[in-house]
């Protein structure tokens, strides 16, 4: 052990504490949010009225593995990714969009 340096334990404990704080403040809430979004996407069904993360309102007409067909007006259908569905119309969004000024 060198006189100017501390023991290995004195160096590892603060690092472990920082990792623990990071884990509880960042990782756990992120996993909860991902689980909530995945449950929302898995529970989508035909005729649900939804809004996309870009602000397009529509009604689900068809569900595919990774895509959704939305009717946005009479005889106007668009195909979007399931990941682009932000929530149900009239309810708070499930998927948080990052809006940067």
PDB file of N, CA and C in Angstrom:
ATOM      1  N   UNK A   1       0.842  -1.171   0.000  1.00  0.00           N
ATOM      2  CA  UNK A   1       0.000   0.000   0.000  1.00  0.00           C
ATOM      3  C   UNK A   1       0.887   1.235   0.000  1.00  0.00           C
ATOM      4  N   UNK A   2       0.600   2.184  -0.863  1.00  0.00           N
ATOM      5  CA  UNK A   2       1.413   3.390  -0.936  1.00  0.00           C
ATOM      6  C   UNK A   2       0.919   4.412   0.087  1.00  0.00           C
ATOM      7  N   UNK A   3       1.791   5.243   0.620  1.00  0.00           N
ATOM      8  CA  UNK A   3       1.397   6.189   1.648  1.00  0.00           C
ATOM      9  C   UNK A   3       0.448   7.275   1.139  1.00  0.00           C
ATOM     10  N   UNK A   4       0.550   7.677  -0.134  1.00  0.00           N
ATOM     11  CA  UNK A   4      -0.320   8.747  -0.615  1.00  0.00           C
ATOM     12  C   UNK A   4      -1.672   8.227  -1.118  1.00  0.00           C
ATOM     13  N   UNK A   5      -1.802   6.961  -1.377  1.00  0.00           N
ATOM     14  CA  UNK A   5      -3.048   6.397  -1.868  1.00  0.00           C
ATOM     15  C   UNK A   5      -3.821   5.716  -0.757  1.00  0.00           C
ATOM     16  N   UNK A   6      -5.138   5.624  -0.930  1.00  0.00           N
ATOM     17  CA  UNK A   6      -5.972   4.938   0.043  1.00  0.00           C
ATOM     18  C   UNK A   6      -6.066   3.470  -0.294  1.00  0.00           C
ATOM     19  N   UNK A   7      -6.763   2.764   0.525  1.00  0.00           N
ATOM     20  CA  UNK A   7      -6.938   1.339   0.259  1.00  0.00           C
ATOM     21  C   UNK A   7      -7.914   1.154  -0.911  1.00  0.00           C
ATOM     22  N   UNK A   8      -7.917  -0.018  -1.449  1.00  0.00           N
ATOM     23  CA  UNK A   8      -8.806  -0.336  -2.567  1.00  0.00           C
ATOM     24  C   UNK A   8     -10.260  -0.193  -2.136  1.00  0.00           C
ATOM     25  N   UNK A   9     -10.559  -0.565  -0.920  1.00  0.00           N
ATOM     26  CA  UNK A   9     -11.925  -0.472  -0.406  1.00  0.00           C
ATOM     27  C   UNK A   9     -12.397   0.978  -0.367  1.00  0.00           C
ATOM     28  N   UNK A  10     -11.538   1.905   0.006  1.00  0.00           N
ATOM     29  CA  UNK A  10     -11.901   3.313   0.066  1.00  0.00           C
ATOM     30  C   UNK A  10     -12.180   3.877  -1.325  1.00  0.00           C
ATOM     31  N   UNK A  11     -11.634   3.291  -2.337  1.00  0.00           N
ATOM     32  CA  UNK A  11     -11.877   3.752  -3.705  1.00  0.00           C
ATOM     33  C   UNK A  11     -13.114   3.099  -4.314  1.00  0.00           C
ATOM     34  N   UNK A  12     -13.400   1.861  -3.932  1.00  0.00           N
ATOM     35  CA  UNK A  12     -14.499   1.118  -4.533  1.00  0.00           C
ATOM     36  C   UNK A  12     -15.849   1.502  -3.926  1.00  0.00           C
ATOM     37  N   UNK A  13     -15.900   1.755  -2.636  1.00  0.00           N
ATOM     38  CA  UNK A  13     -17.173   2.050  -1.969  1.00  0.00           C
ATOM     39  C   UNK A  13     -17.854   3.288  -2.566  1.00  0.00           C
ATOM     40  N   UNK A  14     -17.192   4.430  -2.741  1.00  0.00           N
ATOM     41  CA  UNK A  14     -17.884   5.576  -3.355  1.00  0.00           C
ATOM     42  C   UNK A  14     -18.359   5.290  -4.778  1.00  0.00           C
ATOM     43  N   UNK A  15     -17.569   4.555  -5.537  1.00  0.00           N
ATOM     44  CA  UNK A  15     -17.967   4.196  -6.892  1.00  0.00           C
ATOM     45  C   UNK A  15     -19.216   3.315  -6.875  1.00  0.00           C
ATOM     46  N   UNK A  16     -19.265   2.374  -5.966  1.00  0.00           N
ATOM     47  CA  UNK A  16     -20.437   1.506  -5.839  1.00  0.00           C
ATOM     48  C   UNK A  16     -21.665   2.311  -5.413  1.00  0.00           C
ATOM     49  N   UNK A  17     -21.473   3.284  -4.550  1.00  0.00           N
ATOM     50  CA  UNK A  17     -22.600   4.116  -4.109  1.00  0.00           C
ATOM     51  C   UNK A  17     -23.139   4.955  -5.273  1.00  0.00           C
ATOM     52  N   UNK A  18     -22.254   5.495  -6.087  1.00  0.00           N
ATOM     53  CA  UNK A  18     -22.684   6.273  -7.246  1.00  0.00           C
ATOM     54  C   UNK A  18     -23.467   5.384  -8.214  1.00  0.00           C
ATOM     55  N   UNK A  19     -22.978   4.182  -8.453  1.00  0.00           N
ATOM     56  CA  UNK A  19     -23.697   3.257  -9.333  1.00  0.00           C
ATOM     57  C   UNK A  19     -25.067   2.913  -8.757  1.00  0.00           C
ATOM     58  N   UNK A  20     -25.161   2.676  -7.448  1.00  0.00           N
ATOM     59  CA  UNK A  20     -26.442   2.340  -6.815  1.00  0.00           C
ATOM     60  C   UNK A  20     -27.429   3.493  -6.959  1.00  0.00           C
ATOM     61  N   UNK A  21     -26.980   4.707  -6.732  1.00  0.00           N
ATOM     62  CA  UNK A  21     -27.859   5.871  -6.872  1.00  0.00           C
ATOM     63  C   UNK A  21     -28.318   6.004  -8.321  1.00  0.00           C
ATOM     64  N   UNK A  22     -27.408   5.863  -9.253  1.00  0.00           N
ATOM     65  CA  UNK A  22     -27.746   5.924 -10.676  1.00  0.00           C
ATOM     66  C   UNK A  22     -28.783   4.852 -11.025  1.00  0.00           C
ATOM     67  N   UNK A  23     -28.594   3.650 -10.495  1.00  0.00           N
ATOM     68  CA  UNK A  23     -29.501   2.536 -10.779  1.00  0.00           C
ATOM     69  C   UNK A  23     -30.918   2.855 -10.303  1.00  0.00           C
ATOM     70  N   UNK A  24     -31.043   3.344  -9.077  1.00  0.00           N
ATOM     71  CA  UNK A  24     -32.369   3.592  -8.518  1.00  0.00           C
ATOM     72  C   UNK A  24     -33.033   4.838  -9.080  1.00  0.00           C
ATOM     73  N   UNK A  25     -32.262   5.815  -9.511  1.00  0.00           N
ATOM     74  CA  UNK A  25     -32.850   7.053 -10.013  1.00  0.00           C
ATOM     75  C   UNK A  25     -33.097   7.011 -11.518  1.00  0.00           C
ATOM     76  N   UNK A  26     -32.270   6.309 -12.274  1.00  0.00           N
ATOM     77  CA  UNK A  26     -32.384   6.337 -13.732  1.00  0.00           C
ATOM     78  C   UNK A  26     -32.883   5.012 -14.309  1.00  0.00           C
ATOM     79  N   UNK A  27     -32.261   3.929 -13.971  1.00  0.00           N
ATOM     80  CA  UNK A  27     -32.537   2.658 -14.645  1.00  0.00           C
ATOM     81  C   UNK A  27     -33.901   2.078 -14.275  1.00  0.00           C
ATOM     82  N   UNK A  28     -34.238   2.035 -12.994  1.00  0.00           N
ATOM     83  CA  UNK A  28     -35.515   1.436 -12.584  1.00  0.00           C
ATOM     84  C   UNK A  28     -36.709   2.192 -13.171  1.00  0.00           C
ATOM     85  N   UNK A  29     -36.781   3.534 -13.052  1.00  0.00           N
ATOM     86  CA  UNK A  29     -37.916   4.230 -13.682  1.00  0.00           C
ATOM     87  C   UNK A  29     -37.971   4.046 -15.203  1.00  0.00           C
ATOM     88  N   UNK A  30     -36.819   3.977 -15.843  1.00  0.00           N
ATOM     89  CA  UNK A  30     -36.791   3.768 -17.284  1.00  0.00           C
ATOM     90  C   UNK A  30     -37.367   2.404 -17.656  1.00  0.00           C
ATOM     91  N   UNK A  31     -37.015   1.386 -16.893  1.00  0.00           N
ATOM     92  CA  UNK A  31     -37.559   0.043 -17.158  1.00  0.00           C
ATOM     93  C   UNK A  31     -39.066   0.012 -16.944  1.00  0.00           C
ATOM     94  N   UNK A  32     -39.547   0.706 -15.908  1.00  0.00           N
ATOM     95  CA  UNK A  32     -40.998   0.759 -15.661  1.00  0.00           C
ATOM     96  C   UNK A  32     -41.714   1.423 -16.830  1.00  0.00           C
ATOM     97  N   UNK A  33     -41.160   2.526 -17.337  1.00  0.00           N
ATOM     98  CA  UNK A  33     -41.768   3.231 -18.458  1.00  0.00           C
ATOM     99  C   UNK A  33     -41.777   2.355 -19.711  1.00  0.00           C
ATOM    100  N   UNK A  34     -40.681   1.642 -19.975  1.00  0.00           N
ATOM    101  CA  UNK A  34     -40.624   0.748 -21.135  1.00  0.00           C
ATOM    102  C   UNK A  34     -41.668  -0.350 -21.027  1.00  0.00           C
ATOM    103  N   UNK A  35     -41.852  -0.886 -19.832  1.00  0.00           N
ATOM    104  CA  UNK A  35     -42.847  -1.942 -19.621  1.00  0.00           C
ATOM    105  C   UNK A  35     -44.257  -1.404 -19.863  1.00  0.00           C
ATOM    106  N   UNK A  36     -44.527  -0.183 -19.385  1.00  0.00           N
ATOM    107  CA  UNK A  36     -45.835   0.439 -19.574  1.00  0.00           C
ATOM    108  C   UNK A  36     -46.123   0.656 -21.062  1.00  0.00           C
ATOM    109  N   UNK A  37     -45.133   1.146 -21.798  1.00  0.00           N
ATOM    110  CA  UNK A  37     -45.296   1.387 -23.233  1.00  0.00           C
ATOM    111  C   UNK A  37     -45.510   0.066 -23.967  1.00  0.00           C
ATOM    112  N   UNK A  38     -44.751  -0.975 -23.621  1.00  0.00           N
ATOM    113  CA  UNK A  38     -44.896  -2.271 -24.281  1.00  0.00           C
ATOM    114  C   UNK A  38     -46.279  -2.866 -24.039  1.00  0.00           C
ATOM    115  N   UNK A  39     -46.803  -2.731 -22.804  1.00  0.00           N
ATOM    116  CA  UNK A  39     -48.154  -3.222 -22.510  1.00  0.00           C
ATOM    117  C   UNK A  39     -49.192  -2.460 -23.333  1.00  0.00           C
ATOM    118  N   UNK A  40     -48.996  -1.142 -23.471  1.00  0.00           N
ATOM    119  CA  UNK A  40     -49.910  -0.332 -24.271  1.00  0.00           C
ATOM    120  C   UNK A  40     -49.927  -0.808 -25.725  1.00  0.00           C
ATOM    121  N   UNK A  41     -48.749  -0.986 -26.305  1.00  0.00           N
ATOM    122  CA  UNK A  41     -48.645  -1.416 -27.704  1.00  0.00           C
ATOM    123  C   UNK A  41     -49.237  -2.814 -27.876  1.00  0.00           C
ATOM    124  N   UNK A  42     -48.996  -3.704 -26.933  1.00  0.00           N
ATOM    125  CA  UNK A  42     -49.531  -5.067 -27.028  1.00  0.00           C
ATOM    126  C   UNK A  42     -51.051  -5.101 -26.927  1.00  0.00           C
ATOM    127  N   UNK A  43     -51.659  -4.111 -26.267  1.00  0.00           N
ATOM    128  CA  UNK A  43     -53.105  -4.100 -26.064  1.00  0.00           C
ATOM    129  C   UNK A  43     -53.866  -3.278 -27.103  1.00  0.00           C
ATOM    130  N   UNK A  44     -53.180  -2.762 -28.120  1.00  0.00           N
ATOM    131  CA  UNK A  44     -53.877  -2.035 -29.179  1.00  0.00           C
ATOM    132  C   UNK A  44     -54.793  -2.983 -29.934  1.00  0.00           C
ATOM    133  N   UNK A  45     -55.961  -2.463 -30.334  1.00  0.00           N
ATOM    134  CA  UNK A  45     -56.893  -3.291 -31.093  1.00  0.00           C
ATOM    135  C   UNK A  45     -57.590  -2.451 -32.154  1.00  0.00           C
ATOM    136  N   UNK A  46     -58.208  -3.118 -33.104  1.00  0.00           N
ATOM    137  CA  UNK A  46     -58.912  -2.457 -34.202  1.00  0.00           C
ATOM    138  C   UNK A  46     -60.014  -1.580 -33.616  1.00  0.00           C
ATOM    139  N   UNK A  47     -60.228  -0.419 -34.221  1.00  0.00           N
ATOM    140  CA  UNK A  47     -61.219   0.597 -33.855  1.00  0.00           C
ATOM    141  C   UNK A  47     -60.802   1.479 -32.684  1.00  0.00           C
ATOM    142  N   UNK A  48     -59.616   1.280 -32.108  1.00  0.00           N
ATOM    143  CA  UNK A  48     -59.117   2.198 -31.081  1.00  0.00           C
ATOM    144  C   UNK A  48     -58.820   3.536 -31.738  1.00  0.00           C
ATOM    145  N   UNK A  49     -59.191   4.615 -31.065  1.00  0.00           N
ATOM    146  CA  UNK A  49     -58.882   5.957 -31.555  1.00  0.00           C
ATOM    147  C   UNK A  49     -57.614   6.402 -30.842  1.00  0.00           C
ATOM    148  N   UNK A  50     -56.581   6.653 -31.647  1.00  0.00           N
ATOM    149  CA  UNK A  50     -55.257   6.927 -31.102  1.00  0.00           C
ATOM    150  C   UNK A  50     -54.689   8.211 -31.685  1.00  0.00           C
ATOM    151  N   UNK A  51     -53.585   8.645 -31.084  1.00  0.00           N
ATOM    152  CA  UNK A  51     -52.817   9.776 -31.598  1.00  0.00           C
ATOM    153  C   UNK A  51     -51.369   9.326 -31.688  1.00  0.00           C
ATOM    154  N   UNK A  52     -50.708   9.713 -32.769  1.00  0.00           N
ATOM    155  CA  UNK A  52     -49.309   9.330 -32.943  1.00  0.00           C
ATOM    156  C   UNK A  52     -48.412  10.323 -32.199  1.00  0.00           C
ATOM    157  N   UNK A  53     -47.153   9.957 -32.071  1.00  0.00           N
ATOM    158  CA  UNK A  53     -46.201  10.834 -31.391  1.00  0.00           C
ATOM    159  C   UNK A  53     -45.960  12.120 -32.174  1.00  0.00           C
ATOM    160  N   UNK A  54     -46.317  12.136 -33.451  1.00  0.00           N
ATOM    161  CA  UNK A  54     -46.170  13.358 -34.253  1.00  0.00           C
ATOM    162  C   UNK A  54     -47.459  14.174 -34.306  1.00  0.00           C
ATOM    163  N   UNK A  55     -48.509  13.716 -33.610  1.00  0.00           N
ATOM    164  CA  UNK A  55     -49.737  14.490 -33.508  1.00  0.00           C
ATOM    165  C   UNK A  55     -50.819  14.154 -34.499  1.00  0.00           C
ATOM    166  N   UNK A  56     -50.736  13.018 -35.173  1.00  0.00           N
ATOM    167  CA  UNK A  56     -51.765  12.617 -36.136  1.00  0.00           C
ATOM    168  C   UNK A  56     -52.830  11.799 -35.407  1.00  0.00           C
ATOM    169  N   UNK A  57     -54.082  12.232 -35.548  1.00  0.00           N
ATOM    170  CA  UNK A  57     -55.208  11.525 -34.950  1.00  0.00           C
ATOM    171  C   UNK A  57     -55.749  10.521 -35.951  1.00  0.00           C
ATOM    172  N   UNK A  58     -56.117   9.352 -35.474  1.00  0.00           N
ATOM    173  CA  UNK A  58     -56.668   8.346 -36.366  1.00  0.00           C
ATOM    174  C   UNK A  58     -57.304   7.193 -35.613  1.00  0.00           C
ATOM    175  N   UNK A  59     -57.947   6.341 -36.384  1.00  0.00           N
ATOM    176  CA  UNK A  59     -58.593   5.142 -35.846  1.00  0.00           C
ATOM    177  C   UNK A  59     -57.913   3.935 -36.452  1.00  0.00           C
ATOM    178  N   UNK A  60     -57.576   2.977 -35.618  1.00  0.00           N
ATOM    179  CA  UNK A  60     -56.877   1.783 -36.091  1.00  0.00           C
ATOM    180  C   UNK A  60     -57.820   0.950 -36.945  1.00  0.00           C
ATOM    181  N   UNK A  61     -57.397   0.655 -38.158  1.00  0.00           N
ATOM    182  CA  UNK A  61     -58.184  -0.157 -39.074  1.00  0.00           C
ATOM    183  C   UNK A  61     -57.619  -1.567 -39.209  1.00  0.00           C
ATOM    184  N   UNK A  62     -56.286  -1.696 -39.078  1.00  0.00           N
ATOM    185  CA  UNK A  62     -55.655  -3.008 -39.201  1.00  0.00           C
ATOM    186  C   UNK A  62     -54.377  -3.020 -38.371  1.00  0.00           C
ATOM    187  N   UNK A  63     -54.125  -4.156 -37.741  1.00  0.00           N
ATOM    188  CA  UNK A  63     -52.906  -4.348 -36.961  1.00  0.00           C
ATOM    189  C   UNK A  63     -52.025  -5.374 -37.653  1.00  0.00           C
ATOM    190  N   UNK A  64     -50.747  -5.071 -37.731  1.00  0.00           N
ATOM    191  CA  UNK A  64     -49.770  -6.018 -38.245  1.00  0.00           C
ATOM    192  C   UNK A  64     -48.720  -6.216 -37.159  1.00  0.00           C
ATOM    193  N   UNK A  65     -47.687  -6.989 -37.448  1.00  0.00           N
ATOM    194  CA  UNK A  65     -46.663  -7.256 -36.438  1.00  0.00           C
ATOM    195  C   UNK A  65     -46.007  -5.984 -35.921  1.00  0.00           C
ATOM    196  N   UNK A  66     -45.512  -5.153 -36.823  1.00  0.00           N
ATOM    197  CA  UNK A  66     -44.786  -3.945 -36.436  1.00  0.00           C
ATOM    198  C   UNK A  66     -45.483  -2.659 -36.868  1.00  0.00           C
ATOM    199  N   UNK A  67     -46.560  -2.762 -37.636  1.00  0.00           N
ATOM    200  CA  UNK A  67     -47.222  -1.599 -38.212  1.00  0.00           C
ATOM    201  C   UNK A  67     -48.692  -1.562 -37.863  1.00  0.00           C
ATOM    202  N   UNK A  68     -49.273  -0.379 -38.027  1.00  0.00           N
ATOM    203  CA  UNK A  68     -50.692  -0.155 -37.798  1.00  0.00           C
ATOM    204  C   UNK A  68     -51.217   0.658 -38.969  1.00  0.00           C
ATOM    205  N   UNK A  69     -52.386   0.309 -39.440  1.00  0.00           N
ATOM    206  CA  UNK A  69     -53.018   1.101 -40.488  1.00  0.00           C
ATOM    207  C   UNK A  69     -54.049   1.996 -39.809  1.00  0.00           C
ATOM    208  N   UNK A  70     -53.863   3.319 -39.955  1.00  0.00           N
ATOM    209  CA  UNK A  70     -54.759   4.296 -39.350  1.00  0.00           C
ATOM    210  C   UNK A  70     -55.635   4.946 -40.406  1.00  0.00           C
ATOM    211  N   UNK A  71     -56.905   5.120 -40.069  1.00  0.00           N
ATOM    212  CA  UNK A  71     -57.787   5.905 -40.919  1.00  0.00           C
ATOM    213  C   UNK A  71     -57.785   7.316 -40.336  1.00  0.00           C
ATOM    214  N   UNK A  72     -57.289   8.271 -41.117  1.00  0.00           N
ATOM    215  CA  UNK A  72     -57.176   9.647 -40.636  1.00  0.00           C
ATOM    216  C   UNK A  72     -58.289  10.540 -41.190  1.00  0.00           C
ATOM    217  N   UNK A  73     -58.975  10.091 -42.227  1.00  0.00           N
ATOM    218  CA  UNK A  73     -60.126  10.782 -42.812  1.00  0.00           C
ATOM    219  C   UNK A  73     -60.890   9.741 -43.624  1.00  0.00           C
ATOM    220  N   UNK A  74     -62.049  10.124 -44.133  1.00  0.00           N
ATOM    221  CA  UNK A  74     -62.811   9.184 -44.953  1.00  0.00           C
ATOM    222  C   UNK A  74     -61.967   8.725 -46.130  1.00  0.00           C
ATOM    223  N   UNK A  75     -61.804   7.434 -46.270  1.00  0.00           N
ATOM    224  CA  UNK A  75     -61.065   6.796 -47.358  1.00  0.00           C
ATOM    225  C   UNK A  75     -59.593   7.213 -47.413  1.00  0.00           C
ATOM    226  N   UNK A  76     -59.046   7.677 -46.287  1.00  0.00           N
ATOM    227  CA  UNK A  76     -57.631   8.046 -46.227  1.00  0.00           C
ATOM    228  C   UNK A  76     -56.983   7.239 -45.105  1.00  0.00           C
ATOM    229  N   UNK A  77     -56.184   6.258 -45.502  1.00  0.00           N
ATOM    230  CA  UNK A  77     -55.493   5.411 -44.539  1.00  0.00           C
ATOM    231  C   UNK A  77     -53.993   5.597 -44.677  1.00  0.00           C
ATOM    232  N   UNK A  78     -53.314   5.561 -43.541  1.00  0.00           N
ATOM    233  CA  UNK A  78     -51.856   5.634 -43.554  1.00  0.00           C
ATOM    234  C   UNK A  78     -51.313   4.478 -42.730  1.00  0.00           C
ATOM    235  N   UNK A  79     -50.114   4.081 -43.061  1.00  0.00           N
ATOM    236  CA  UNK A  79     -49.453   3.000 -42.332  1.00  0.00           C
ATOM    237  C   UNK A  79     -48.353   3.621 -41.490  1.00  0.00           C
ATOM    238  N   UNK A  80     -48.379   3.347 -40.181  1.00  0.00           N
ATOM    239  CA  UNK A  80     -47.355   3.868 -39.272  1.00  0.00           C
ATOM    240  C   UNK A  80     -46.833   2.719 -38.413  1.00  0.00           C
ATOM    241  N   UNK A  81     -45.673   2.927 -37.864  1.00  0.00           N
ATOM    242  CA  UNK A  81     -45.081   1.955 -36.958  1.00  0.00           C
ATOM    243  C   UNK A  81     -45.861   1.947 -35.642  1.00  0.00           C
ATOM    244  N   UNK A  82     -45.956   0.785 -35.020  1.00  0.00           N
ATOM    245  CA  UNK A  82     -46.605   0.711 -33.713  1.00  0.00           C
ATOM    246  C   UNK A  82     -45.887   1.596 -32.696  1.00  0.00           C
ATOM    247  N   UNK A  83     -44.591   1.744 -32.861  1.00  0.00           N
ATOM    248  CA  UNK A  83     -43.813   2.577 -31.940  1.00  0.00           C
ATOM    249  C   UNK A  83     -44.192   4.050 -32.059  1.00  0.00           C
ATOM    250  N   UNK A  84     -44.846   4.436 -33.150  1.00  0.00           N
ATOM    251  CA  UNK A  84     -45.242   5.827 -33.348  1.00  0.00           C
ATOM    252  C   UNK A  84     -46.567   6.161 -32.683  1.00  0.00           C
ATOM    253  N   UNK A  85     -47.259   5.176 -32.151  1.00  0.00           N
ATOM    254  CA  UNK A  85     -48.528   5.429 -31.468  1.00  0.00           C
ATOM    255  C   UNK A  85     -48.201   5.947 -30.071  1.00  0.00           C
ATOM    256  N   UNK A  86     -48.668   7.156 -29.770  1.00  0.00           N
ATOM    257  CA  UNK A  86     -48.323   7.793 -28.497  1.00  0.00           C
ATOM    258  C   UNK A  86     -49.334   7.577 -27.402  1.00  0.00           C
ATOM    259  N   UNK A  87     -50.586   7.330 -27.762  1.00  0.00           N
ATOM    260  CA  UNK A  87     -51.611   7.128 -26.736  1.00  0.00           C
ATOM    261  C   UNK A  87     -52.990   7.145 -27.359  1.00  0.00           C
ATOM    262  N   UNK A  88     -53.979   7.047 -26.481  1.00  0.00           N
ATOM    263  CA  UNK A  88     -55.367   7.108 -26.926  1.00  0.00           C
ATOM    264  C   UNK A  88     -55.807   8.564 -27.010  1.00  0.00           C
ATOM    265  N   UNK A  89     -56.722   8.872 -27.919  1.00  0.00           N
ATOM    266  CA  UNK A  89     -57.237  10.227 -28.048  1.00  0.00           C
ATOM    267  C   UNK A  89     -57.960  10.622 -26.767  1.00  0.00           C
ATOM    268  N   UNK A  90     -57.714  11.831 -26.295  1.00  0.00           N
ATOM    269  CA  UNK A  90     -58.399  12.335 -25.118  1.00  0.00           C
ATOM    270  C   UNK A  90     -57.810  11.883 -23.800  1.00  0.00           C
ATOM    271  N   UNK A  91     -56.699  11.152 -23.827  1.00  0.00           N
ATOM    272  CA  UNK A  91     -56.049  10.692 -22.609  1.00  0.00           C
ATOM    273  C   UNK A  91     -54.593  11.149 -22.629  1.00  0.00           C
ATOM    274  N   UNK A  92     -53.962  11.186 -21.454  1.00  0.00           N
ATOM    275  CA  UNK A  92     -52.542  11.570 -21.437  1.00  0.00           C
ATOM    276  C   UNK A  92     -51.713  10.583 -22.260  1.00  0.00           C
ATOM    277  N   UNK A  93     -50.651  11.065 -22.902  1.00  0.00           N
ATOM    278  CA  UNK A  93     -49.838  10.177 -23.734  1.00  0.00           C
ATOM    279  C   UNK A  93     -49.130   9.110 -22.909  1.00  0.00           C
ATOM    280  N   UNK A  94     -49.018   7.918 -23.492  1.00  0.00           N
ATOM    281  CA  UNK A  94     -48.298   6.823 -22.855  1.00  0.00           C
ATOM    282  C   UNK A  94     -46.816   6.950 -23.176  1.00  0.00           C
ATOM    283  N   UNK A  95     -46.542   7.290 -24.421  1.00  0.00           N
ATOM    284  CA  UNK A  95     -45.165   7.458 -24.886  1.00  0.00           C
ATOM    285  C   UNK A  95     -44.795   8.918 -24.724  1.00  0.00           C
ATOM    286  N   UNK A  96     -43.695   9.178 -24.035  1.00  0.00           N
ATOM    287  CA  UNK A  96     -43.242  10.546 -23.857  1.00  0.00           C
ATOM    288  C   UNK A  96     -42.443  10.977 -25.076  1.00  0.00           C
ATOM    289  N   UNK A  97     -42.836  12.117 -25.636  1.00  0.00           N
ATOM    290  CA  UNK A  97     -42.101  12.649 -26.783  1.00  0.00           C
ATOM    291  C   UNK A  97     -41.097  13.662 -26.278  1.00  0.00           C
ATOM    292  N   UNK A  98     -39.965  13.708 -26.915  1.00  0.00           N
ATOM    293  CA  UNK A  98     -38.931  14.663 -26.521  1.00  0.00           C
ATOM    294  C   UNK A  98     -39.101  15.911 -27.363  1.00  0.00           C
ATOM    295  N   UNK A  99     -39.659  16.953 -26.760  1.00  0.00           N
ATOM    296  CA  UNK A  99     -39.851  18.212 -27.484  1.00  0.00           C
ATOM    297  C   UNK A  99     -38.777  19.183 -27.045  1.00  0.00           C
ATOM    298  N   UNK A 100     -37.872  19.468 -27.972  1.00  0.00           N
ATOM    299  CA  UNK A 100     -36.781  20.392 -27.698  1.00  0.00           C
ATOM    300  C   UNK A 100     -37.039  21.701 -28.406  1.00  0.00           C
ATOM    301  N   UNK A 101     -36.925  22.817 -27.689  1.00  0.00           N
ATOM    302  CA  UNK A 101     -37.197  24.124 -28.326  1.00  0.00           C
ATOM    303  C   UNK A 101     -36.139  24.507 -29.316  1.00  0.00           C
TER     304      UNK A 101
END
